[in-house]
Amino acid sequence: MTFEAEQEEIFPSNQQPSSSSSSINVNSATTDPSDPYSQDVVDPELTFKIFTNDGDPESSVALITLKNIFSRQLPKMPRDYIVRLVFDRRHYSLGILKQGRIVGGVCYRPYFDQKFAEIAFCAISGQEQVKGYGTLLLNQLKTHVQREKLEYFLTYADNYAIGYFQKQGFSKSVNMPKERWVGYVKEYDGGLFMECYVHPAVDYLSMNRIVGSQRAFIHQQLEKTSRSGTVYPGLEVFQQGKRLQSILDAPGVGIGGWTVQGLYKGATERDRTNAYSKLAVVLKSQMDKIKHSPYSGPFKEMLPDSQEYEDTIKDPINLETIAYRLKLGDYYRSKESLVADLIVMVNNCKSYYGVGSSHYDSAAGRPSHIDSS
């Protein structure tokens, strides 16, 4: 829903839109059947036409149809207000016709001396919505006002219309010189004042083709360096009885652009940072408790450098190794992953030193301390 200002000045006869009550060539954009992006107008049954209250019976019928569409689609707008603006001779309406039947339109008022137009109403009938007709309508209007040498659209939009207008290039920031519109546009409560600059060199009727061609070019460039088609062999680390230390160690993960921040679960970057900061504090606290416990002595020692140890222990680890992994910042993603390494460290100690050794006794006293940390 949009709002329109009430002004009383009448334009001189030499400043009336040149295409009043005239059809607009909807297929004016260059098309190429071999180019899937060239068909900017997806429905060949569509035509566009400018209507105004010029006394012609055809124009009157068209304006009544548009008035009815605006009233149905903008129920909060007073009907007498819609009638007054649609039939005001200073306002013009661009209608979108499907098989000759009006299915929507936009009502606007041009201010030629100030080089802008104010949009009063814009709506598509309910059964024809979600087909892209609203975008086609605004692109046709932009092309039309280019010929009229208008530079800006201004409108007041309510919360339901803001998203639509933003997609059509409207901005909440009004950069048009204030002296050009103050006194011409009336302010309304409950509506957001929005602006759209109509660039004189942009071919709005070919926008889909232009954007589509740019997208296709970018994809072609990405394919030259992309490794998305590379197939890596399966992980052999599990068959060897070992663990994958980090998902980033899997072939292709790092090359594919994944990072610690991208893999770490969180709704936003801020959430991920906050969650990881809290986890780092918890893990450090847990490690400090373990290092200062009476059972930590054997686990602070260097790992035995012998073939016997390598043959017996498949996943060697001690407190120094765990501390190093903590410093990496991307190894432990949860408290449970740290506890898992501690348990492996304890079981390694038991397996290698055996029952009756002091190291085994220290390891035997460790699990309850780990669980309580």
Foldseek 3Di string as FASTA:
>chain_A
DWAFDDDDDDDPPVQDQPQEFHWDPLPPQDADVVQPQQCLPPDPQKIKGKAAQPVDPVSVVVLVVQLVQQCVVVVVDDSVVSVCQSHPRQKMKMFMDGNNHTFWIWIWGDDLVLQEIETHTGGGHPVPPPPCVSLSRVLRVLVSSLVSRHWKYKIWAAPVCPVVVVVNAKDLDDPRPPVSCVVPTDDDPRTGIIMHTRDSPDNSSRVSVVVVVVVVVVVVVCVVVDPVVDDDDDDCQVVVVHDDQDPCPPPPCVVNPDDLQNPADDPDSVRSVVVLVVQLVVQVVLLVLLCPDPLQVVLVDDDDDDPVLVVQQVDDHGSVRLVVLSVVSRRDNHLVVSLVRVLSNLVSQCRPPHPPDPNVVSSVVPPVSSVVD
